[in-house]
Amino acid sequence: MNKSKQVFDNVLDLIGNTPLIKLNTITSDFEGEYLAKVEAFNPGHSTKDRIALYIIEEAEKKGILSPGDTIIETTSGNTGFSIAMVSIIKGYECILAVSSKSSADKIDMLKTMGAKVYVCPAHVSADDPRSYYQVAKRLHEEIKGSVFINQYFNALNIEAHYKTTGPEIWSQTEGKITHLVACSGTGGTISGVAKYLKEQNPNVKIIGVDAYGSVLQKYHETREFDANEIYPYRIEGLGKNIIPTATDFDLIDKFIKVSDEESAHTARELAKTEGLFVGYTSGAALQAVKQLNEDGEFKKGDKIVIIFPDHGSRYMTKIFNDKWMEEQGFFDSKNEAAVNTIQHIN
């Protein structure tokens, strides 16, 4: 990068150093100060840019990847987009196994970025040969010269955030952060940031956000995998039906669960109150903050950082689409569709 002219060699130079943005309206009645780490400012519009670049460059350093090789990964959409973007710049083929729960917008974006996409059924067990975990493993075995990123079980997922996101948050808050609230899917983001923050100040409280229908909260509390916790839910990139080794449960102080419906409405509310057009998991993260505030978690003087993982444009056919919301039964007297906001002039 030419620093004097702010000319970048390629989009990968723009990964990281995302802003902290103060929430002013939606949290105005809450105790404490609330700061959103808005990862949509990455060039691939999500926090997954960080792990895609870091894991691929580590593989290059170790001689595992060579130009022309194929990169394979499982993804709910964001990691896939980031890997596809990095692959374009670095000259790799990209194959992605995607959950059918991923929005049509995300799948279209992956195809647009040149990736070969396999859409796999969402509501099957992780060991089912049709699951996106198993499909990715099979493709890796079949394709010579391929590398399987395997973000759920790759320690580099944690390391990427330990070396980038964690130090950024510590510096941006001048070391005054008291709480981190972050969604947990693979667990790489929350674990890597937590590791760094806890090294700086062991008293920083790390709160993970889980979904109803996921096993993570109960596993954190009992260290037992309970298949009875698993049922279908709509939020993408949050919660799991497996226990990822990329989650360091010892670094997380507690988990809180949020619902599909409330998370969707909170994401929409963020756009209307703070002008932040962010994704479903961002809504989930702030919904967790709302619930924690009601439980008396925060006090005056606290500095709470909330990670907003991605951009709202990835959910145009889902939470930002009134028809989809209505089909899910998410509209009632409290939350109604945005009627009469569009006027057609004939």
Protein backbone atom coordinates (compact mmCIF):
# COMPACT_ATOMS: atom_id res chain seq x y z
CA MET A 1 0.00 0.00 0.00
CA ASN A 2 1.15 3.53 -0.83
CA LYS A 3 0.38 5.16 2.53
CA SER A 4 0.84 8.75 1.35
CA LYS A 5 -1.77 8.42 -1.40
CA GLN A 6 -3.91 5.77 0.30
CA VAL A 7 -3.63 3.53 -2.74
CA PHE A 8 -4.05 -0.15 -1.92
CA ASP A 9 -2.48 -3.03 -3.84
CA ASN A 10 -5.74 -5.02 -3.76
CA VAL A 11 -8.87 -5.48 -1.62
CA LEU A 12 -7.04 -7.77 0.83
CA ASP A 13 -5.13 -4.75 2.18
CA LEU A 14 -8.45 -3.43 3.49
CA ILE A 15 -9.12 -6.36 5.81
CA GLY A 16 -9.21 -5.48 9.50
CA ASN A 17 -9.05 -2.21 11.44
CA THR A 18 -12.84 -1.96 11.44
CA PRO A 19 -14.43 0.87 13.44
CA LEU A 20 -16.05 0.91 16.85
CA ILE A 21 -19.30 2.86 16.55
CA LYS A 22 -21.14 4.14 19.61
CA LEU A 23 -24.80 3.15 19.88
CA ASN A 24 -26.77 6.22 20.92
CA THR A 25 -30.51 5.63 20.54
CA ILE A 26 -31.30 1.93 20.83
CA THR A 27 -29.40 1.64 24.14
CA SER A 28 -30.25 5.11 25.50
CA ASP A 29 -32.13 3.71 28.51
CA PHE A 30 -29.43 1.15 29.38
CA GLU A 31 -26.68 1.47 31.98
CA GLY A 32 -23.18 1.74 30.52
CA GLU A 33 -21.69 2.72 27.15
CA TYR A 34 -22.29 0.48 24.13
CA LEU A 35 -19.85 0.23 21.23
CA ALA A 36 -20.43 -1.83 18.09
CA LYS A 37 -17.45 -3.42 16.35
CA VAL A 38 -18.88 -3.20 12.82
CA GLU A 39 -17.22 -5.93 10.77
CA ALA A 40 -19.23 -5.02 7.67
CA PHE A 41 -16.48 -2.47 7.01
CA ASN A 42 -14.22 -5.31 5.87
CA PRO A 43 -14.07 -5.50 2.04
CA GLY A 44 -15.99 -8.79 2.06
CA HIS A 45 -18.52 -7.22 4.44
CA SER A 46 -17.94 -9.65 7.31
CA THR A 47 -15.59 -10.69 10.09
CA LYS A 48 -14.80 -13.86 8.11
CA ASP A 49 -12.41 -11.90 5.88
CA ARG A 50 -9.95 -12.05 8.74
CA ILE A 51 -9.84 -15.85 9.05
CA ALA A 52 -9.94 -16.46 5.30
CA LEU A 53 -6.84 -14.35 4.70
CA TYR A 54 -5.00 -15.55 7.80
CA ILE A 55 -5.59 -19.29 7.31
CA ILE A 56 -4.77 -19.17 3.59
CA GLU A 57 -1.57 -17.19 4.13
CA GLU A 58 -0.48 -19.55 6.90
CA ALA A 59 -1.05 -22.49 4.51
CA GLU A 60 1.09 -20.71 1.91
CA LYS A 61 3.90 -20.15 4.41
CA LYS A 62 3.88 -23.86 5.26
CA GLY A 63 3.92 -24.87 1.59
CA ILE A 64 0.51 -26.52 1.83
CA LEU A 65 -0.99 -24.26 -0.86
CA SER A 66 0.39 -23.54 -4.32
CA PRO A 67 -1.11 -21.40 -7.11
CA GLY A 68 -3.81 -23.30 -8.95
CA ASP A 69 -4.73 -25.47 -5.95
CA THR A 70 -8.33 -25.80 -4.79
CA ILE A 71 -9.62 -24.46 -1.47
CA ILE A 72 -12.66 -26.24 0.01
CA GLU A 73 -14.79 -25.08 2.91
CA THR A 74 -18.11 -25.43 4.70
CA THR A 75 -19.94 -22.16 5.18
CA SER A 76 -23.22 -20.49 6.04
CA GLY A 77 -22.18 -17.91 3.45
CA ASN A 78 -19.83 -15.32 4.91
CA THR A 79 -16.69 -17.46 5.22
CA GLY A 80 -17.32 -18.73 1.71
CA PHE A 81 -17.52 -15.22 0.29
CA SER A 82 -14.29 -14.26 2.05
CA ILE A 83 -12.47 -17.38 0.85
CA ALA A 84 -13.74 -16.82 -2.70
CA MET A 85 -12.50 -13.21 -2.57
CA VAL A 86 -9.04 -14.21 -1.30
CA SER A 87 -8.90 -17.06 -3.85
CA ILE A 88 -9.52 -14.65 -6.73
CA ILE A 89 -6.63 -12.43 -5.70
CA LYS A 90 -4.25 -15.31 -4.97
CA GLY A 91 -5.17 -17.57 -7.89
CA TYR A 92 -6.91 -20.54 -6.27
CA GLU A 93 -9.99 -22.51 -7.24
CA CYS A 94 -12.75 -22.34 -4.64
CA ILE A 95 -15.38 -24.97 -3.79
CA LEU A 96 -17.96 -24.32 -1.06
CA ALA A 97 -20.43 -26.61 0.69
CA VAL A 98 -23.26 -24.38 1.86
CA SER A 99 -26.19 -24.99 4.19
CA SER A 100 -29.60 -24.68 2.52
CA LYS A 101 -30.46 -22.35 5.42
CA SER A 102 -28.18 -19.74 3.86
CA SER A 103 -30.06 -16.90 2.23
CA ALA A 104 -30.45 -16.86 -1.55
CA ASP A 105 -28.52 -13.58 -1.52
CA LYS A 106 -25.48 -15.27 0.02
CA ILE A 107 -25.57 -18.18 -2.42
CA ASP A 108 -25.86 -15.82 -5.40
CA MET A 109 -22.92 -13.79 -4.07
CA LEU A 110 -20.77 -16.93 -3.80
CA LYS A 111 -21.50 -17.86 -7.41
CA THR A 112 -20.79 -14.30 -8.50
CA MET A 113 -17.37 -14.54 -6.85
CA GLY A 114 -16.50 -17.55 -9.01
CA ALA A 115 -16.98 -20.27 -6.41
CA LYS A 116 -18.44 -23.67 -7.19
CA VAL A 117 -21.27 -24.10 -4.71
CA TYR A 118 -22.83 -27.28 -3.31
CA VAL A 119 -26.09 -26.52 -1.46
CA CYS A 120 -26.66 -29.13 1.26
CA PRO A 121 -29.75 -29.76 3.42
CA ALA A 122 -29.60 -27.79 6.68
CA HIS A 123 -31.65 -29.97 8.97
CA VAL A 124 -29.64 -33.20 8.89
CA SER A 125 -27.16 -34.47 11.47
CA ALA A 126 -23.51 -33.49 11.14
CA ASP A 127 -22.52 -37.07 10.30
CA ASP A 128 -25.15 -37.44 7.56
CA PRO A 129 -23.34 -37.83 4.18
CA ARG A 130 -25.54 -35.01 2.81
CA SER A 131 -24.50 -32.50 5.51
CA TYR A 132 -22.22 -29.71 4.41
CA TYR A 133 -19.52 -31.00 6.78
CA GLN A 134 -19.48 -34.42 5.12
CA VAL A 135 -19.81 -33.10 1.57
CA ALA A 136 -16.77 -30.86 2.08
CA LYS A 137 -14.75 -33.76 3.52
CA ARG A 138 -15.70 -35.99 0.58
CA LEU A 139 -14.74 -33.36 -1.99
CA HIS A 140 -11.40 -32.82 -0.25
CA GLU A 141 -10.68 -36.56 -0.45
CA GLU A 142 -11.66 -36.71 -4.12
CA ILE A 143 -9.86 -33.60 -5.41
CA LYS A 144 -6.10 -33.83 -5.65
CA GLY A 145 -4.23 -30.71 -4.58
CA SER A 146 -7.08 -29.42 -2.44
CA VAL A 147 -6.98 -27.84 1.00
CA PHE A 148 -9.90 -28.06 3.44
CA ILE A 149 -10.03 -24.92 5.61
CA ASN A 150 -12.26 -26.68 8.19
CA GLN A 151 -12.98 -23.53 10.20
CA TYR A 152 -14.91 -25.37 12.94
CA PHE A 153 -11.86 -27.42 13.90
CA ASN A 154 -8.98 -25.16 12.89
CA ALA A 155 -7.02 -23.46 15.67
CA LEU A 156 -5.95 -20.78 13.19
CA ASN A 157 -9.56 -19.54 13.30
CA ILE A 158 -8.94 -18.48 16.92
CA GLU A 159 -5.43 -17.24 16.19
CA ALA A 160 -6.61 -14.88 13.43
CA HIS A 161 -8.81 -12.98 15.89
CA TYR A 162 -6.25 -13.18 18.69
CA LYS A 163 -3.79 -11.34 16.45
CA THR A 164 -6.19 -8.81 14.88
CA THR A 165 -9.68 -8.28 16.33
CA GLY A 166 -8.67 -8.57 19.98
CA PRO A 167 -5.81 -6.03 19.84
CA GLU A 168 -7.99 -3.65 17.81
CA ILE A 169 -10.76 -3.66 20.43
CA TRP A 170 -8.29 -3.23 23.30
CA SER A 171 -6.64 -0.29 21.57
CA GLN A 172 -9.90 1.34 20.46
CA THR A 173 -11.32 1.24 24.00
CA GLU A 174 -7.96 2.30 25.49
CA GLY A 175 -8.11 -0.83 27.61
CA LYS A 176 -11.36 0.24 29.27
CA ILE A 177 -13.60 -2.50 27.88
CA THR A 178 -15.52 -4.30 30.66
CA HIS A 179 -17.73 -6.68 28.61
CA LEU A 180 -17.54 -8.36 25.22
CA VAL A 181 -20.77 -9.68 23.70
CA ALA A 182 -20.32 -11.83 20.61
CA CYS A 183 -22.23 -14.50 18.76
CA SER A 184 -20.71 -17.97 18.75
CA GLY A 185 -20.86 -20.21 15.69
CA THR A 186 -17.47 -21.71 14.94
CA GLY A 187 -16.36 -19.85 18.06
CA GLY A 188 -13.22 -18.47 16.45
CA THR A 189 -14.13 -14.82 16.83
CA ILE A 190 -15.25 -14.90 20.46
CA SER A 191 -12.42 -17.25 21.50
CA GLY A 192 -9.62 -15.33 19.79
CA VAL A 193 -10.81 -11.94 21.04
CA ALA A 194 -11.42 -13.36 24.53
CA LYS A 195 -7.94 -14.85 24.71
CA TYR A 196 -6.33 -11.50 23.93
CA LEU A 197 -8.59 -9.43 26.19
CA LYS A 198 -8.27 -11.82 29.16
CA GLU A 199 -4.47 -11.64 28.85
CA GLN A 200 -4.69 -7.86 29.13
CA ASN A 201 -7.33 -7.85 31.87
CA PRO A 202 -8.71 -11.10 33.33
CA ASN A 203 -11.76 -9.21 34.62
CA VAL A 204 -13.16 -8.48 31.16
CA LYS A 205 -16.39 -10.47 31.01
CA ILE A 206 -16.91 -12.54 27.85
CA ILE A 207 -20.54 -13.31 26.97
CA GLY A 208 -21.39 -15.66 24.13
CA VAL A 209 -24.66 -15.52 22.21
CA ASP A 210 -26.31 -18.81 21.28
CA ALA A 211 -29.53 -19.74 19.46
CA TYR A 212 -32.45 -21.80 20.68
CA GLY A 213 -31.97 -25.12 18.87
CA SER A 214 -28.20 -25.10 19.40
CA VAL A 215 -26.07 -27.16 21.81
CA LEU A 216 -23.46 -24.57 22.78
CA GLN A 217 -24.90 -23.03 25.95
CA LYS A 218 -25.67 -26.37 27.59
CA TYR A 219 -22.27 -27.75 26.61
CA HIS A 220 -20.63 -24.69 28.18
CA GLU A 221 -22.53 -25.25 31.42
CA THR A 222 -22.28 -29.05 31.66
CA ARG A 223 -19.53 -30.09 29.20
CA GLU A 224 -22.03 -32.59 27.86
CA PHE A 225 -23.29 -32.76 24.29
CA ASP A 226 -27.09 -33.01 24.44
CA ALA A 227 -28.68 -33.94 21.11
CA ASN A 228 -32.08 -33.17 22.63
CA GLU A 229 -31.18 -29.48 22.48
CA ILE A 230 -31.07 -29.59 18.67
CA TYR A 231 -33.98 -28.41 16.55
CA PRO A 232 -34.27 -26.24 13.42
CA TYR A 233 -33.82 -22.48 13.77
CA ARG A 234 -33.45 -19.66 11.28
CA ILE A 235 -30.47 -17.52 12.34
CA GLU A 236 -27.45 -18.16 10.12
CA GLY A 237 -23.89 -18.35 11.45
CA LEU A 238 -24.94 -18.64 15.09
CA GLY A 239 -25.07 -21.72 17.30
CA LYS A 240 -24.19 -25.27 16.29
CA ASN A 241 -25.35 -28.90 16.28
CA ILE A 242 -21.74 -29.99 16.90
CA ILE A 243 -19.05 -28.89 19.36
CA PRO A 244 -16.39 -26.97 17.38
CA THR A 245 -12.84 -27.23 18.70
CA ALA A 246 -12.42 -23.63 17.48
CA THR A 247 -14.48 -22.64 20.54
CA ASP A 248 -12.48 -22.26 23.75
CA PHE A 249 -15.29 -22.64 26.27
CA ASP A 250 -12.95 -21.92 29.19
CA LEU A 251 -12.52 -18.33 28.00
CA ILE A 252 -16.26 -17.62 27.84
CA ASP A 253 -17.89 -16.55 31.10
CA LYS A 254 -21.44 -17.36 30.09
CA PHE A 255 -23.82 -17.89 27.19
CA ILE A 256 -27.23 -16.36 26.61
CA LYS A 257 -29.77 -17.66 24.10
CA VAL A 258 -31.82 -15.50 21.74
CA SER A 259 -34.80 -16.28 19.53
CA ASP A 260 -35.09 -16.08 15.75
CA GLU A 261 -37.98 -13.62 15.91
CA GLU A 262 -36.58 -11.13 18.41
CA SER A 263 -33.16 -11.15 16.70
CA ALA A 264 -34.77 -10.36 13.34
CA HIS A 265 -36.73 -7.43 14.75
CA THR A 266 -33.69 -6.08 16.58
CA ALA A 267 -31.65 -6.10 13.35
CA ARG A 268 -34.42 -4.12 11.65
CA GLU A 269 -34.56 -1.76 14.64
CA LEU A 270 -30.81 -1.10 14.37
CA ALA A 271 -31.28 0.19 10.83
CA LYS A 272 -34.09 2.54 11.88
CA THR A 273 -32.48 3.89 15.05
CA GLU A 274 -28.72 3.88 14.45
CA GLY A 275 -28.55 3.86 10.65
CA LEU A 276 -26.61 0.60 10.84
CA PHE A 277 -27.69 -1.84 8.14
CA VAL A 278 -26.28 -5.04 9.59
CA GLY A 279 -27.11 -8.75 9.47
CA TYR A 280 -29.18 -11.30 11.35
CA THR A 281 -26.39 -12.24 13.79
CA SER A 282 -25.81 -8.57 14.58
CA GLY A 283 -29.47 -8.37 15.55
CA ALA A 284 -28.94 -11.47 17.68
CA ALA A 285 -25.95 -9.90 19.44
CA LEU A 286 -27.87 -6.75 20.32
CA GLN A 287 -30.92 -8.77 21.33
CA ALA A 288 -28.63 -10.54 23.82
CA VAL A 289 -27.56 -7.13 25.14
CA LYS A 290 -31.21 -6.17 25.63
CA GLN A 291 -31.85 -9.33 27.63
CA LEU A 292 -28.66 -8.90 29.65
CA ASN A 293 -29.64 -5.32 30.46
CA GLU A 294 -33.02 -6.52 31.71
CA ASP A 295 -31.18 -9.03 33.93
CA GLY A 296 -29.10 -6.22 35.47
CA GLU A 297 -25.81 -7.37 33.92
CA PHE A 298 -24.48 -3.86 33.24
CA LYS A 299 -23.90 -0.86 35.45
CA LYS A 300 -22.95 2.80 35.05
CA GLY A 301 -19.37 3.16 33.86
CA ASP A 302 -19.28 -0.17 32.04
CA LYS A 303 -17.94 -0.17 28.48
CA ILE A 304 -19.61 -2.93 26.46
CA VAL A 305 -18.31 -3.94 23.03
CA ILE A 306 -20.70 -5.87 20.77
CA ILE A 307 -19.40 -7.56 17.63
CA PHE A 308 -21.65 -7.05 14.60
CA PRO A 309 -20.40 -9.76 12.22
CA ASP A 310 -21.78 -8.84 8.80
CA HIS A 311 -23.83 -6.58 6.52
CA GLY A 312 -27.59 -6.42 6.05
CA SER A 313 -27.37 -6.81 2.27
CA ARG A 314 -26.92 -10.56 2.81
CA TYR A 315 -30.43 -10.87 4.22
CA MET A 316 -32.58 -9.01 1.70
CA THR A 317 -34.66 -12.11 1.00
CA LYS A 318 -34.96 -12.87 4.71
CA ILE A 319 -35.21 -10.51 7.68
CA PHE A 320 -35.41 -7.36 5.56
CA ASN A 321 -38.14 -8.81 3.40
CA ASP A 322 -41.66 -8.28 4.78
CA LYS A 323 -43.06 -11.30 2.96
CA TRP A 324 -40.44 -13.62 4.48
CA MET A 325 -41.03 -12.15 7.94
CA GLU A 326 -44.75 -12.65 7.55
CA GLU A 327 -44.28 -16.25 6.39
CA GLN A 328 -42.28 -16.96 9.54
CA GLY A 329 -45.06 -15.55 11.71
CA PHE A 330 -42.79 -12.73 12.89
CA PHE A 331 -45.34 -9.93 12.53
CA ASP A 332 -47.92 -9.21 15.21
CA SER A 333 -49.51 -6.15 16.81
CA LYS A 334 -46.16 -5.21 18.37
CA ASN A 335 -44.11 -5.67 15.20
CA GLU A 336 -45.94 -4.94 11.98
CA ALA A 337 -44.79 -4.87 8.38
CA ALA A 338 -43.47 -1.60 7.01
CA VAL A 339 -46.71 -0.82 5.19
CA ASN A 340 -47.36 2.30 3.20
CA THR A 341 -43.70 3.32 3.11
CA ILE A 342 -43.51 2.91 -0.67
CA GLN A 343 -45.63 5.13 -2.90
CA HIS A 344 -45.99 4.30 -6.59
CA ILE A 345 -46.57 7.32 -8.81
CA ASN A 346 -48.34 6.41 -12.05
